[in-house]
Every structure is written in structure tokens, then in C-alpha cells.
């Protein structure tokens, strides 16, 4: 069971990282799933407190980041559009 939890947590963590590289807001939700799985794995396996604290911190940051990206959705779209327009001028 631990191997399955670890594999799923790693999958969601890596997928979240790839999606954030492409500036996809859903990446934060994917990372949140990964964080929850890492926390669960850390509790079930050996009660690894440092890993639980680290992933709880990441979970909190991902929740904040998702909220900020959601709140500033239009701002990000305008910035991306501006960058595209400026790249054609070069």
C-alpha cells in the first residue's frame, strides 16, 4: 500500500510541476492532491513528522497560489497577451 501511495503522490507532484511550467492553474489542484497523498503516506508509513510539516506547508502555499491565480485570472491573461504582442515586434 505504501508503494502505491508513494507512486501516486510522486505522479501528481511531477504532473503538477510540468503543468506549472506551462502556466496552467490546474497545476495547483494537482499539487494539492500530491501533497495530501504525501501527508497520508507519511502518516501511514512511519509518522514522518518533518515530511508531514513540509507537505502541509506546500499544501497551504498551493491553496494560496490557486486562490491568487483564480482571483487575478484576467490580469494574467492580459500579461500573457501583452507578452505575445511584444514578441512579434522583435
C-alpha atoms as a PDB file:
ATOM      1  CA  UNK A   1       0.000   0.000   0.000  1.00  0.00           C
ATOM      2  CA  UNK A   2       2.859   2.389   0.820  1.00  0.00           C
ATOM      3  CA  UNK A   3       4.391   1.832  -2.612  1.00  0.00           C
ATOM      4  CA  UNK A   4       1.074   2.666  -4.297  1.00  0.00           C
ATOM      5  CA  UNK A   5       0.626   5.823  -2.192  1.00  0.00           C
ATOM      6  CA  UNK A   6       4.197   6.915  -2.911  1.00  0.00           C
ATOM      7  CA  UNK A   7       3.817   6.256  -6.622  1.00  0.00           C
ATOM      8  CA  UNK A   8       0.546   8.207  -6.817  1.00  0.00           C
ATOM      9  CA  UNK A   9       1.966  11.077  -4.766  1.00  0.00           C
ATOM     10  CA  UNK A  10       5.060  11.224  -6.985  1.00  0.00           C
ATOM     11  CA  UNK A  11       2.906  11.120 -10.135  1.00  0.00           C
ATOM     12  CA  UNK A  12       0.721  14.029  -9.004  1.00  0.00           C
ATOM     13  CA  UNK A  13       3.738  16.025  -7.806  1.00  0.00           C
ATOM     14  CA  UNK A  14       5.557  15.622 -11.115  1.00  0.00           C
ATOM     15  CA  UNK A  15       2.414  16.300 -13.155  1.00  0.00           C
ATOM     16  CA  UNK A  16       1.772  19.458 -11.105  1.00  0.00           C
ATOM     17  CA  UNK A  17       5.315  20.613 -11.750  1.00  0.00           C
ATOM     18  CA  UNK A  18       5.001  20.048 -15.502  1.00  0.00           C
ATOM     19  CA  UNK A  19       1.675  21.887 -15.641  1.00  0.00           C
ATOM     20  CA  UNK A  20       3.026  24.866 -13.689  1.00  0.00           C
ATOM     21  CA  UNK A  21       5.850  25.098 -16.241  1.00  0.00           C
ATOM     22  CA  UNK A  22       3.121  25.678 -18.834  1.00  0.00           C
ATOM     23  CA  UNK A  23       1.348  28.190 -16.545  1.00  0.00           C
ATOM     24  CA  UNK A  24      -1.738  26.051 -16.048  1.00  0.00           C
ATOM     25  CA  UNK A  25      -3.742  26.998 -12.980  1.00  0.00           C
ATOM     26  CA  UNK A  26      -4.948  23.414 -12.542  1.00  0.00           C
ATOM     27  CA  UNK A  27      -1.361  22.547 -11.580  1.00  0.00           C
ATOM     28  CA  UNK A  28      -2.051  23.841  -8.087  1.00  0.00           C
ATOM     29  CA  UNK A  29      -5.004  21.477  -7.713  1.00  0.00           C
ATOM     30  CA  UNK A  30      -2.860  18.585  -8.928  1.00  0.00           C
ATOM     31  CA  UNK A  31      -0.142  19.551  -6.452  1.00  0.00           C
ATOM     32  CA  UNK A  32      -2.733  19.721  -3.667  1.00  0.00           C
ATOM     33  CA  UNK A  33      -3.684  16.118  -4.414  1.00  0.00           C
ATOM     34  CA  UNK A  34       0.005  15.185  -4.381  1.00  0.00           C
ATOM     35  CA  UNK A  35       0.545  16.992  -1.062  1.00  0.00           C
ATOM     36  CA  UNK A  36      -2.407  15.218   0.531  1.00  0.00           C
ATOM     37  CA  UNK A  37      -1.128  11.864  -0.711  1.00  0.00           C
ATOM     38  CA  UNK A  38       2.379  12.574   0.652  1.00  0.00           C
ATOM     39  CA  UNK A  39       0.907  13.548   4.010  1.00  0.00           C
ATOM     40  CA  UNK A  40      -1.221  10.396   4.076  1.00  0.00           C
ATOM     41  CA  UNK A  41       1.785   8.249   3.099  1.00  0.00           C
ATOM     42  CA  UNK A  42       3.920   9.887   5.784  1.00  0.00           C
ATOM     43  CA  UNK A  43       1.307   9.159   8.446  1.00  0.00           C
ATOM     44  CA  UNK A  44       0.630   5.570   7.383  1.00  0.00           C
ATOM     45  CA  UNK A  45       4.255   4.569   6.806  1.00  0.00           C
ATOM     46  CA  UNK A  46       6.254   5.783   9.797  1.00  0.00           C
ATOM     47  CA  UNK A  47       4.770   9.038  11.072  1.00  0.00           C
ATOM     48  CA  UNK A  48       7.496  11.100   9.433  1.00  0.00           C
ATOM     49  CA  UNK A  49       6.803  14.457  11.116  1.00  0.00           C
ATOM     50  CA  UNK A  50       9.289  16.577   9.079  1.00  0.00           C
ATOM     51  CA  UNK A  51       7.794  15.299   5.814  1.00  0.00           C
ATOM     52  CA  UNK A  52       4.277  15.948   7.098  1.00  0.00           C
ATOM     53  CA  UNK A  53       5.196  19.522   8.092  1.00  0.00           C
ATOM     54  CA  UNK A  54       6.892  20.152   4.741  1.00  0.00           C
ATOM     55  CA  UNK A  55       3.950  18.868   2.706  1.00  0.00           C
ATOM     56  CA  UNK A  56       1.431  20.675   4.910  1.00  0.00           C
ATOM     57  CA  UNK A  57       3.370  23.886   4.180  1.00  0.00           C
ATOM     58  CA  UNK A  58       3.347  23.115   0.444  1.00  0.00           C
ATOM     59  CA  UNK A  59      -0.371  22.364   0.684  1.00  0.00           C
ATOM     60  CA  UNK A  60      -1.018  25.739   2.298  1.00  0.00           C
ATOM     61  CA  UNK A  61       1.104  27.540  -0.334  1.00  0.00           C
ATOM     62  CA  UNK A  62      -0.644  25.724  -3.177  1.00  0.00           C
ATOM     63  CA  UNK A  63      -4.049  26.676  -1.788  1.00  0.00           C
ATOM     64  CA  UNK A  64      -2.960  30.321  -1.538  1.00  0.00           C
ATOM     65  CA  UNK A  65      -1.444  30.281  -5.018  1.00  0.00           C
ATOM     66  CA  UNK A  66      -4.541  28.739  -6.574  1.00  0.00           C
ATOM     67  CA  UNK A  67      -6.715  31.371  -4.915  1.00  0.00           C
ATOM     68  CA  UNK A  68      -4.440  34.201  -6.113  1.00  0.00           C
ATOM     69  CA  UNK A  69      -4.281  32.880  -9.679  1.00  0.00           C
ATOM     70  CA  UNK A  70      -8.036  32.469  -9.691  1.00  0.00           C
ATOM     71  CA  UNK A  71      -8.538  35.981  -8.332  1.00  0.00           C
ATOM     72  CA  UNK A  72      -6.110  37.509 -10.829  1.00  0.00           C
ATOM     73  CA  UNK A  73      -7.153  35.415 -13.837  1.00  0.00           C
ATOM     74  CA  UNK A  74      -7.850  38.432 -16.041  1.00  0.00           C
ATOM     75  CA  UNK A  75      -4.578  40.116 -15.061  1.00  0.00           C
ATOM     76  CA  UNK A  76      -2.615  37.029 -16.076  1.00  0.00           C
ATOM     77  CA  UNK A  77      -4.442  36.807 -19.396  1.00  0.00           C
ATOM     78  CA  UNK A  78      -3.620  40.453 -20.152  1.00  0.00           C
ATOM     79  CA  UNK A  79       0.046  39.926 -19.259  1.00  0.00           C
ATOM     80  CA  UNK A  80       0.280  36.845 -21.465  1.00  0.00           C
ATOM     81  CA  UNK A  81      -1.406  38.675 -24.344  1.00  0.00           C
ATOM     82  CA  UNK A  82       0.982  41.618 -23.935  1.00  0.00           C
ATOM     83  CA  UNK A  83       3.989  39.292 -23.981  1.00  0.00           C
ATOM     84  CA  UNK A  84       2.737  37.662 -27.178  1.00  0.00           C
ATOM     85  CA  UNK A  85       2.233  41.029 -28.864  1.00  0.00           C
ATOM     86  CA  UNK A  86       5.676  42.235 -27.804  1.00  0.00           C
ATOM     87  CA  UNK A  87       7.376  39.099 -29.088  1.00  0.00           C
ATOM     88  CA  UNK A  88       6.110  39.858 -32.609  1.00  0.00           C
ATOM     89  CA  UNK A  89       7.697  43.302 -32.519  1.00  0.00           C
ATOM     90  CA  UNK A  90      11.213  41.943 -32.072  1.00  0.00           C
END
